[in-house]
Protein backbone atom coordinates (compact mmCIF):
# COMPACT_ATOMS: atom_id res chain seq x y z
CA UNK A 1 0.00 0.00 0.00
CA UNK A 2 1.32 3.45 -0.88
CA UNK A 3 2.69 5.59 1.93
CA UNK A 4 0.31 8.44 1.12
CA UNK A 5 -2.71 6.12 1.38
CA UNK A 6 -1.49 4.69 4.71
CA UNK A 7 -0.96 8.25 6.03
CA UNK A 8 -4.45 9.25 4.90
CA UNK A 9 -6.03 6.25 6.63
CA UNK A 10 -4.04 6.86 9.84
CA UNK A 11 -5.05 10.52 9.74
CA UNK A 12 -8.70 9.46 9.48
CA UNK A 13 -8.24 7.23 12.54
CA UNK A 14 -6.71 10.12 14.49
CA UNK A 15 -9.60 12.41 13.57
CA UNK A 16 -12.10 9.71 14.53
CA UNK A 17 -10.56 9.05 17.95
CA UNK A 18 -9.53 12.61 18.84
CA UNK A 19 -12.64 14.20 17.31
CA UNK A 20 -10.68 17.04 15.67
CA UNK A 21 -8.24 17.60 12.84
CA UNK A 22 -6.14 20.35 14.42
CA UNK A 23 -2.86 18.75 13.37
CA UNK A 24 -0.69 18.51 10.30
CA UNK A 25 0.20 14.97 9.29
CA UNK A 26 3.99 14.59 8.84
CA UNK A 27 6.67 12.04 9.67
CA UNK A 28 7.95 13.90 12.75
CA UNK A 29 4.46 14.24 14.34
CA UNK A 30 4.27 12.91 17.92
CA UNK A 31 1.50 12.64 20.47
CA UNK A 32 2.75 15.71 22.33
CA UNK A 33 2.13 17.77 19.17
CA UNK A 34 -1.60 16.93 19.08
CA UNK A 35 -4.23 18.22 21.51
CA UNK A 36 -6.04 15.41 23.30
CA UNK A 37 -3.54 12.67 22.37
CA UNK A 38 -2.89 11.19 25.79
CA UNK A 39 -2.13 7.64 26.95
CA UNK A 40 -5.77 6.53 26.80
CA UNK A 41 -6.41 7.96 23.35
CA UNK A 42 -3.07 6.46 22.24
CA UNK A 43 -4.32 2.96 23.03
CA UNK A 44 -7.60 3.71 21.25
CA UNK A 45 -5.67 4.92 18.19
CA UNK A 46 -3.48 1.80 18.14
CA UNK A 47 -6.56 -0.46 18.46
CA UNK A 48 -8.40 1.37 15.66
CA UNK A 49 -5.34 1.15 13.41
CA UNK A 50 -5.10 -2.59 14.05
CA UNK A 51 -8.80 -3.00 13.17
CA UNK A 52 -8.64 -0.71 10.15
CA UNK A 53 -5.60 -2.37 8.56
CA UNK A 54 -6.32 -5.92 9.79
CA UNK A 55 -2.98 -6.14 11.59
CA UNK A 56 -1.81 -6.86 15.12
CA UNK A 57 1.05 -4.97 16.77
CA UNK A 58 3.49 -6.84 18.97
CA UNK A 59 5.13 -5.18 21.96
CA UNK A 60 8.41 -4.85 20.07
CA UNK A 61 6.52 -3.04 17.26
CA UNK A 62 5.07 -0.56 19.75
CA UNK A 63 8.50 0.01 21.29
CA UNK A 64 9.77 1.12 17.84
CA UNK A 65 7.22 3.93 17.64
CA UNK A 66 8.96 7.27 18.02
CA UNK A 67 6.85 9.41 15.66
CA UNK A 68 4.33 9.17 12.82
CA UNK A 69 7.02 8.14 10.34
CA UNK A 70 7.95 5.10 12.41
CA UNK A 71 4.26 4.20 12.85
CA UNK A 72 3.73 4.33 9.08
CA UNK A 73 6.82 2.14 8.54
CA UNK A 74 5.61 -0.48 11.04
CA UNK A 75 2.12 -0.52 9.48
CA UNK A 76 3.60 -0.96 5.98
CA UNK A 77 5.80 -3.82 7.18
CA UNK A 78 2.69 -5.65 8.43
CA UNK A 79 0.36 -5.24 5.43
PDB file of N, CA and C in Angstrom:
ATOM      1  N   UNK A   1       0.849  -1.168   0.000  1.00  0.00           N
ATOM      2  CA  UNK A   1       0.000   0.000   0.000  1.00  0.00           C
ATOM      3  C   UNK A   1       0.902   1.241   0.000  1.00  0.00           C
ATOM      4  N   UNK A   2       0.534   2.230  -0.781  1.00  0.00           N
ATOM      5  CA  UNK A   2       1.316   3.453  -0.879  1.00  0.00           C
ATOM      6  C   UNK A   2       1.375   4.205   0.443  1.00  0.00           C
ATOM      7  N   UNK A   3       2.500   4.825   0.694  1.00  0.00           N
ATOM      8  CA  UNK A   3       2.690   5.585   1.933  1.00  0.00           C
ATOM      9  C   UNK A   3       1.624   6.661   2.094  1.00  0.00           C
ATOM     10  N   UNK A   4       1.304   7.359   1.021  1.00  0.00           N
ATOM     11  CA  UNK A   4       0.312   8.436   1.116  1.00  0.00           C
ATOM     12  C   UNK A   4      -1.058   7.902   1.508  1.00  0.00           C
ATOM     13  N   UNK A   5      -1.420   6.726   1.026  1.00  0.00           N
ATOM     14  CA  UNK A   5      -2.710   6.120   1.380  1.00  0.00           C
ATOM     15  C   UNK A   5      -2.709   5.673   2.844  1.00  0.00           C
ATOM     16  N   UNK A   6      -1.602   5.102   3.296  1.00  0.00           N
ATOM     17  CA  UNK A   6      -1.486   4.695   4.706  1.00  0.00           C
ATOM     18  C   UNK A   6      -1.599   5.928   5.594  1.00  0.00           C
ATOM     19  N   UNK A   7      -0.899   7.015   5.238  1.00  0.00           N
ATOM     20  CA  UNK A   7      -0.962   8.249   6.026  1.00  0.00           C
ATOM     21  C   UNK A   7      -2.389   8.801   6.073  1.00  0.00           C
ATOM     22  N   UNK A   8      -3.074   8.753   4.948  1.00  0.00           N
ATOM     23  CA  UNK A   8      -4.453   9.251   4.899  1.00  0.00           C
ATOM     24  C   UNK A   8      -5.357   8.438   5.825  1.00  0.00           C
ATOM     25  N   UNK A   9      -5.202   7.114   5.797  1.00  0.00           N
ATOM     26  CA  UNK A   9      -6.032   6.252   6.635  1.00  0.00           C
ATOM     27  C   UNK A   9      -5.706   6.455   8.121  1.00  0.00           C
ATOM     28  N   UNK A  10      -4.430   6.609   8.451  1.00  0.00           N
ATOM     29  CA  UNK A  10      -4.040   6.858   9.838  1.00  0.00           C
ATOM     30  C   UNK A  10      -4.577   8.218  10.287  1.00  0.00           C
ATOM     31  N   UNK A  11      -4.504   9.205   9.422  1.00  0.00           N
ATOM     32  CA  UNK A  11      -5.053  10.525   9.742  1.00  0.00           C
ATOM     33  C   UNK A  11      -6.540  10.435  10.034  1.00  0.00           C
ATOM     34  N   UNK A  12      -7.265   9.648   9.247  1.00  0.00           N
ATOM     35  CA  UNK A  12      -8.702   9.456   9.476  1.00  0.00           C
ATOM     36  C   UNK A  12      -8.961   8.806  10.831  1.00  0.00           C
ATOM     37  N   UNK A  13      -8.117   7.866  11.223  1.00  0.00           N
ATOM     38  CA  UNK A  13      -8.243   7.227  12.541  1.00  0.00           C
ATOM     39  C   UNK A  13      -8.021   8.258  13.645  1.00  0.00           C
ATOM     40  N   UNK A  14      -6.989   9.086  13.482  1.00  0.00           N
ATOM     41  CA  UNK A  14      -6.710  10.120  14.489  1.00  0.00           C
ATOM     42  C   UNK A  14      -7.904  11.061  14.641  1.00  0.00           C
ATOM     43  N   UNK A  15      -8.444  11.505  13.529  1.00  0.00           N
ATOM     44  CA  UNK A  15      -9.601  12.407  13.567  1.00  0.00           C
ATOM     45  C   UNK A  15     -10.780  11.723  14.245  1.00  0.00           C
ATOM     46  N   UNK A  16     -10.990  10.465  13.947  1.00  0.00           N
ATOM     47  CA  UNK A  16     -12.098   9.706  14.531  1.00  0.00           C
ATOM     48  C   UNK A  16     -11.959   9.588  16.050  1.00  0.00           C
ATOM     49  N   UNK A  17     -10.771   9.253  16.519  1.00  0.00           N
ATOM     50  CA  UNK A  17     -10.556   9.048  17.953  1.00  0.00           C
ATOM     51  C   UNK A  17     -10.490  10.380  18.704  1.00  0.00           C
ATOM     52  N   UNK A  18      -9.756  11.345  18.148  1.00  0.00           N
ATOM     53  CA  UNK A  18      -9.525  12.608  18.843  1.00  0.00           C
ATOM     54  C   UNK A  18     -10.647  13.623  18.628  1.00  0.00           C
ATOM     55  N   UNK A  19     -11.487  13.352  17.639  1.00  0.00           N
ATOM     56  CA  UNK A  19     -12.638  14.197  17.307  1.00  0.00           C
ATOM     57  C   UNK A  19     -12.238  15.615  16.917  1.00  0.00           C
ATOM     58  N   UNK A  20     -11.077  15.761  16.280  1.00  0.00           N
ATOM     59  CA  UNK A  20     -10.675  17.038  15.672  1.00  0.00           C
ATOM     60  C   UNK A  20      -9.570  16.760  14.660  1.00  0.00           C
ATOM     61  N   UNK A  21      -9.324  17.741  13.821  1.00  0.00           N
ATOM     62  CA  UNK A  21      -8.241  17.604  12.842  1.00  0.00           C
ATOM     63  C   UNK A  21      -7.282  18.791  12.940  1.00  0.00           C
ATOM     64  N   UNK A  22      -7.026  19.225  14.163  1.00  0.00           N
ATOM     65  CA  UNK A  22      -6.137  20.354  14.420  1.00  0.00           C
ATOM     66  C   UNK A  22      -4.680  19.900  14.480  1.00  0.00           C
ATOM     67  N   UNK A  23      -4.243  19.200  13.457  1.00  0.00           N
ATOM     68  CA  UNK A  23      -2.855  18.752  13.373  1.00  0.00           C
ATOM     69  C   UNK A  23      -2.486  18.620  11.911  1.00  0.00           C
ATOM     70  N   UNK A  24      -1.194  18.706  11.647  1.00  0.00           N
ATOM     71  CA  UNK A  24      -0.694  18.511  10.298  1.00  0.00           C
ATOM     72  C   UNK A  24       0.039  17.182  10.269  1.00  0.00           C
ATOM     73  N   UNK A  25      -0.380  16.311   9.382  1.00  0.00           N
ATOM     74  CA  UNK A  25       0.203  14.969   9.286  1.00  0.00           C
ATOM     75  C   UNK A  25       1.589  15.055   8.643  1.00  0.00           C
ATOM     76  N   UNK A  26       2.631  14.659   9.382  1.00  0.00           N
ATOM     77  CA  UNK A  26       3.989  14.593   8.841  1.00  0.00           C
ATOM     78  C   UNK A  26       4.776  13.552   9.634  1.00  0.00           C
ATOM     79  N   UNK A  27       5.898  13.142   9.090  1.00  0.00           N
ATOM     80  CA  UNK A  27       6.672  12.039   9.675  1.00  0.00           C
ATOM     81  C   UNK A  27       7.167  12.322  11.092  1.00  0.00           C
ATOM     82  N   UNK A  28       7.412  13.562  11.431  1.00  0.00           N
ATOM     83  CA  UNK A  28       7.945  13.902  12.750  1.00  0.00           C
ATOM     84  C   UNK A  28       6.853  14.143  13.791  1.00  0.00           C
ATOM     85  N   UNK A  29       5.584  14.006  13.416  1.00  0.00           N
ATOM     86  CA  UNK A  29       4.465  14.238  14.335  1.00  0.00           C
ATOM     87  C   UNK A  29       4.511  13.248  15.495  1.00  0.00           C
ATOM     88  N   UNK A  30       4.339  13.766  16.718  1.00  0.00           N
ATOM     89  CA  UNK A  30       4.273  12.914  17.915  1.00  0.00           C
ATOM     90  C   UNK A  30       3.018  13.262  18.698  1.00  0.00           C
ATOM     91  N   UNK A  31       2.699  12.440  19.664  1.00  0.00           N
ATOM     92  CA  UNK A  31       1.495  12.641  20.465  1.00  0.00           C
ATOM     93  C   UNK A  31       1.517  13.992  21.173  1.00  0.00           C
ATOM     94  N   UNK A  32       2.677  14.424  21.607  1.00  0.00           N
ATOM     95  CA  UNK A  32       2.747  15.708  22.333  1.00  0.00           C
ATOM     96  C   UNK A  32       2.423  16.897  21.432  1.00  0.00           C
ATOM     97  N   UNK A  33       2.449  16.702  20.116  1.00  0.00           N
ATOM     98  CA  UNK A  33       2.135  17.768  19.168  1.00  0.00           C
ATOM     99  C   UNK A  33       0.638  17.914  18.912  1.00  0.00           C
ATOM    100  N   UNK A  34      -0.176  16.977  19.420  1.00  0.00           N
ATOM    101  CA  UNK A  34      -1.596  16.933  19.082  1.00  0.00           C
ATOM    102  C   UNK A  34      -2.441  17.046  20.347  1.00  0.00           C
ATOM    103  N   UNK A  35      -3.330  18.043  20.369  1.00  0.00           N
ATOM    104  CA  UNK A  35      -4.234  18.221  21.507  1.00  0.00           C
ATOM    105  C   UNK A  35      -5.098  16.987  21.710  1.00  0.00           C
ATOM    106  N   UNK A  36      -5.176  16.531  22.960  1.00  0.00           N
ATOM    107  CA  UNK A  36      -6.040  15.410  23.299  1.00  0.00           C
ATOM    108  C   UNK A  36      -5.427  14.037  23.107  1.00  0.00           C
ATOM    109  N   UNK A  37      -4.191  13.974  22.587  1.00  0.00           N
ATOM    110  CA  UNK A  37      -3.545  12.675  22.367  1.00  0.00           C
ATOM    111  C   UNK A  37      -2.788  12.322  23.636  1.00  0.00           C
ATOM    112  N   UNK A  38      -3.481  11.615  24.534  1.00  0.00           N
ATOM    113  CA  UNK A  38      -2.885  11.189  25.793  1.00  0.00           C
ATOM    114  C   UNK A  38      -2.734   9.665  25.780  1.00  0.00           C
ATOM    115  N   UNK A  39      -2.388   9.085  26.909  1.00  0.00           N
ATOM    116  CA  UNK A  39      -2.129   7.641  26.954  1.00  0.00           C
ATOM    117  C   UNK A  39      -3.382   6.819  26.629  1.00  0.00           C
ATOM    118  N   UNK A  40      -4.536   7.257  27.090  1.00  0.00           N
ATOM    119  CA  UNK A  40      -5.767   6.527  26.796  1.00  0.00           C
ATOM    120  C   UNK A  40      -6.125   6.618  25.314  1.00  0.00           C
ATOM    121  N   UNK A  41      -6.081   7.821  24.769  1.00  0.00           N
ATOM    122  CA  UNK A  41      -6.409   7.960  23.346  1.00  0.00           C
ATOM    123  C   UNK A  41      -5.358   7.247  22.485  1.00  0.00           C
ATOM    124  N   UNK A  42      -4.119   7.174  22.977  1.00  0.00           N
ATOM    125  CA  UNK A  42      -3.071   6.461  22.238  1.00  0.00           C
ATOM    126  C   UNK A  42      -3.455   4.990  22.054  1.00  0.00           C
ATOM    127  N   UNK A  43      -3.920   4.364  23.129  1.00  0.00           N
ATOM    128  CA  UNK A  43      -4.316   2.957  23.031  1.00  0.00           C
ATOM    129  C   UNK A  43      -5.525   2.794  22.114  1.00  0.00           C
ATOM    130  N   UNK A  44      -6.441   3.757  22.147  1.00  0.00           N
ATOM    131  CA  UNK A  44      -7.602   3.706  21.255  1.00  0.00           C
ATOM    132  C   UNK A  44      -7.163   3.859  19.794  1.00  0.00           C
ATOM    133  N   UNK A  45      -6.197   4.731  19.549  1.00  0.00           N
ATOM    134  CA  UNK A  45      -5.674   4.920  18.191  1.00  0.00           C
ATOM    135  C   UNK A  45      -5.010   3.646  17.699  1.00  0.00           C
ATOM    136  N   UNK A  46      -4.167   3.037  18.529  1.00  0.00           N
ATOM    137  CA  UNK A  46      -3.481   1.797  18.142  1.00  0.00           C
ATOM    138  C   UNK A  46      -4.499   0.702  17.842  1.00  0.00           C
ATOM    139  N   UNK A  47      -5.520   0.556  18.671  1.00  0.00           N
ATOM    140  CA  UNK A  47      -6.561  -0.460  18.458  1.00  0.00           C
ATOM    141  C   UNK A  47      -7.311  -0.214  17.157  1.00  0.00           C
ATOM    142  N   UNK A  48      -7.676   1.040  16.896  1.00  0.00           N
ATOM    143  CA  UNK A  48      -8.399   1.373  15.655  1.00  0.00           C
ATOM    144  C   UNK A  48      -7.534   1.114  14.431  1.00  0.00           C
ATOM    145  N   UNK A  49      -6.240   1.413  14.530  1.00  0.00           N
ATOM    146  CA  UNK A  49      -5.336   1.151  13.410  1.00  0.00           C
ATOM    147  C   UNK A  49      -5.259  -0.345  13.146  1.00  0.00           C
ATOM    148  N   UNK A  50      -5.135  -1.133  14.210  1.00  0.00           N
ATOM    149  CA  UNK A  50      -5.103  -2.593  14.046  1.00  0.00           C
ATOM    150  C   UNK A  50      -6.374  -3.077  13.351  1.00  0.00           C
ATOM    151  N   UNK A  51      -7.524  -2.592  13.785  1.00  0.00           N
ATOM    152  CA  UNK A  51      -8.800  -2.995  13.173  1.00  0.00           C
ATOM    153  C   UNK A  51      -8.877  -2.538  11.724  1.00  0.00           C
ATOM    154  N   UNK A  52      -8.501  -1.305  11.482  1.00  0.00           N
ATOM    155  CA  UNK A  52      -8.635  -0.713  10.151  1.00  0.00           C
ATOM    156  C   UNK A  52      -7.759  -1.416   9.108  1.00  0.00           C
ATOM    157  N   UNK A  53      -6.529  -1.758   9.500  1.00  0.00           N
ATOM    158  CA  UNK A  53      -5.599  -2.374   8.561  1.00  0.00           C
ATOM    159  C   UNK A  53      -5.585  -3.900   8.654  1.00  0.00           C
ATOM    160  N   UNK A  54      -6.302  -4.470   9.621  1.00  0.00           N
ATOM    161  CA  UNK A  54      -6.316  -5.918   9.785  1.00  0.00           C
ATOM    162  C   UNK A  54      -4.965  -6.460  10.221  1.00  0.00           C
ATOM    163  N   UNK A  55      -4.297  -5.741  11.105  1.00  0.00           N
ATOM    164  CA  UNK A  55      -2.979  -6.141  11.591  1.00  0.00           C
ATOM    165  C   UNK A  55      -3.012  -6.235  13.111  1.00  0.00           C
ATOM    166  N   UNK A  56      -1.951  -6.771  13.679  1.00  0.00           N
ATOM    167  CA  UNK A  56      -1.814  -6.856  15.124  1.00  0.00           C
ATOM    168  C   UNK A  56      -0.394  -6.428  15.470  1.00  0.00           C
ATOM    169  N   UNK A  57      -0.269  -5.421  16.322  1.00  0.00           N
ATOM    170  CA  UNK A  57       1.049  -4.969  16.766  1.00  0.00           C
ATOM    171  C   UNK A  57       1.546  -5.858  17.892  1.00  0.00           C
ATOM    172  N   UNK A  58       2.840  -6.149  17.863  1.00  0.00           N
ATOM    173  CA  UNK A  58       3.485  -6.835  18.974  1.00  0.00           C
ATOM    174  C   UNK A  58       4.151  -5.771  19.838  1.00  0.00           C
ATOM    175  N   UNK A  59       4.502  -6.136  21.049  1.00  0.00           N
ATOM    176  CA  UNK A  59       5.128  -5.183  21.957  1.00  0.00           C
ATOM    177  C   UNK A  59       6.382  -4.571  21.343  1.00  0.00           C
ATOM    178  N   UNK A  60       7.180  -5.381  20.674  1.00  0.00           N
ATOM    179  CA  UNK A  60       8.406  -4.846  20.069  1.00  0.00           C
ATOM    180  C   UNK A  60       8.089  -3.843  18.964  1.00  0.00           C
ATOM    181  N   UNK A  61       6.940  -4.020  18.264  1.00  0.00           N
ATOM    182  CA  UNK A  61       6.517  -3.036  17.263  1.00  0.00           C
ATOM    183  C   UNK A  61       6.202  -1.708  17.936  1.00  0.00           C
ATOM    184  N   UNK A  62       5.467  -1.774  19.040  1.00  0.00           N
ATOM    185  CA  UNK A  62       5.067  -0.562  19.752  1.00  0.00           C
ATOM    186  C   UNK A  62       6.274   0.156  20.343  1.00  0.00           C
ATOM    187  N   UNK A  63       7.284  -0.594  20.740  1.00  0.00           N
ATOM    188  CA  UNK A  63       8.501   0.011  21.287  1.00  0.00           C
ATOM    189  C   UNK A  63       9.291   0.774  20.224  1.00  0.00           C
ATOM    190  N   UNK A  64       9.080   0.449  18.943  1.00  0.00           N
ATOM    191  CA  UNK A  64       9.768   1.118  17.843  1.00  0.00           C
ATOM    192  C   UNK A  64       9.143   2.470  17.517  1.00  0.00           C
ATOM    193  N   UNK A  65       7.943   2.727  18.019  1.00  0.00           N
ATOM    194  CA  UNK A  65       7.215   3.931  17.637  1.00  0.00           C
ATOM    195  C   UNK A  65       7.803   5.163  18.320  1.00  0.00           C
ATOM    196  N   UNK A  66       8.384   6.021  17.523  1.00  0.00           N
ATOM    197  CA  UNK A  66       8.960   7.272  18.018  1.00  0.00           C
ATOM    198  C   UNK A  66       8.180   8.478  17.494  1.00  0.00           C
ATOM    199  N   UNK A  67       7.603   8.330  16.298  1.00  0.00           N
ATOM    200  CA  UNK A  67       6.853   9.409  15.662  1.00  0.00           C
ATOM    201  C   UNK A  67       5.957   8.806  14.567  1.00  0.00           C
ATOM    202  N   UNK A  68       5.259   9.662  13.842  1.00  0.00           N
ATOM    203  CA  UNK A  68       4.330   9.171  12.818  1.00  0.00           C
ATOM    204  C   UNK A  68       5.059   8.405  11.724  1.00  0.00           C
ATOM    205  N   UNK A  69       6.248   8.843  11.365  1.00  0.00           N
ATOM    206  CA  UNK A  69       7.020   8.139  10.342  1.00  0.00           C
ATOM    207  C   UNK A  69       7.303   6.703  10.731  1.00  0.00           C
ATOM    208  N   UNK A  70       7.673   6.474  11.976  1.00  0.00           N
ATOM    209  CA  UNK A  70       7.951   5.104  12.414  1.00  0.00           C
ATOM    210  C   UNK A  70       6.665   4.278  12.484  1.00  0.00           C
ATOM    211  N   UNK A  71       5.549   4.909  12.848  1.00  0.00           N
ATOM    212  CA  UNK A  71       4.259   4.201  12.847  1.00  0.00           C
ATOM    213  C   UNK A  71       3.891   3.765  11.435  1.00  0.00           C
ATOM    214  N   UNK A  72       4.039   4.656  10.472  1.00  0.00           N
ATOM    215  CA  UNK A  72       3.725   4.330   9.076  1.00  0.00           C
ATOM    216  C   UNK A  72       4.609   3.178   8.594  1.00  0.00           C
ATOM    217  N   UNK A  73       5.907   3.209   8.936  1.00  0.00           N
ATOM    218  CA  UNK A  73       6.820   2.136   8.544  1.00  0.00           C
ATOM    219  C   UNK A  73       6.407   0.792   9.126  1.00  0.00           C
ATOM    220  N   UNK A  74       6.028   0.777  10.403  1.00  0.00           N
ATOM    221  CA  UNK A  74       5.606  -0.479  11.045  1.00  0.00           C
ATOM    222  C   UNK A  74       4.323  -0.991  10.387  1.00  0.00           C
ATOM    223  N   UNK A  75       3.383  -0.110  10.128  1.00  0.00           N
ATOM    224  CA  UNK A  75       2.120  -0.523   9.477  1.00  0.00           C
ATOM    225  C   UNK A  75       2.435  -1.132   8.116  1.00  0.00           C
ATOM    226  N   UNK A  76       3.276  -0.454   7.321  1.00  0.00           N
ATOM    227  CA  UNK A  76       3.600  -0.960   5.975  1.00  0.00           C
ATOM    228  C   UNK A  76       4.319  -2.298   6.044  1.00  0.00           C
ATOM    229  N   UNK A  77       5.088  -2.543   7.070  1.00  0.00           N
ATOM    230  CA  UNK A  77       5.802  -3.824   7.180  1.00  0.00           C
ATOM    231  C   UNK A  77       4.837  -4.967   7.502  1.00  0.00           C
ATOM    232  N   UNK A  78       3.647  -4.630   8.024  1.00  0.00           N
ATOM    233  CA  UNK A  78       2.689  -5.654   8.431  1.00  0.00           C
ATOM    234  C   UNK A  78       1.588  -5.915   7.404  1.00  0.00           C
ATOM    235  N   UNK A  79       1.431  -5.026   6.420  1.00  0.00           N
ATOM    236  CA  UNK A  79       0.362  -5.239   5.428  1.00  0.00           C
ATOM    237  C   UNK A  79       0.917  -5.726   4.105  1.00  0.00           C
TER     238      UNK A  79
END
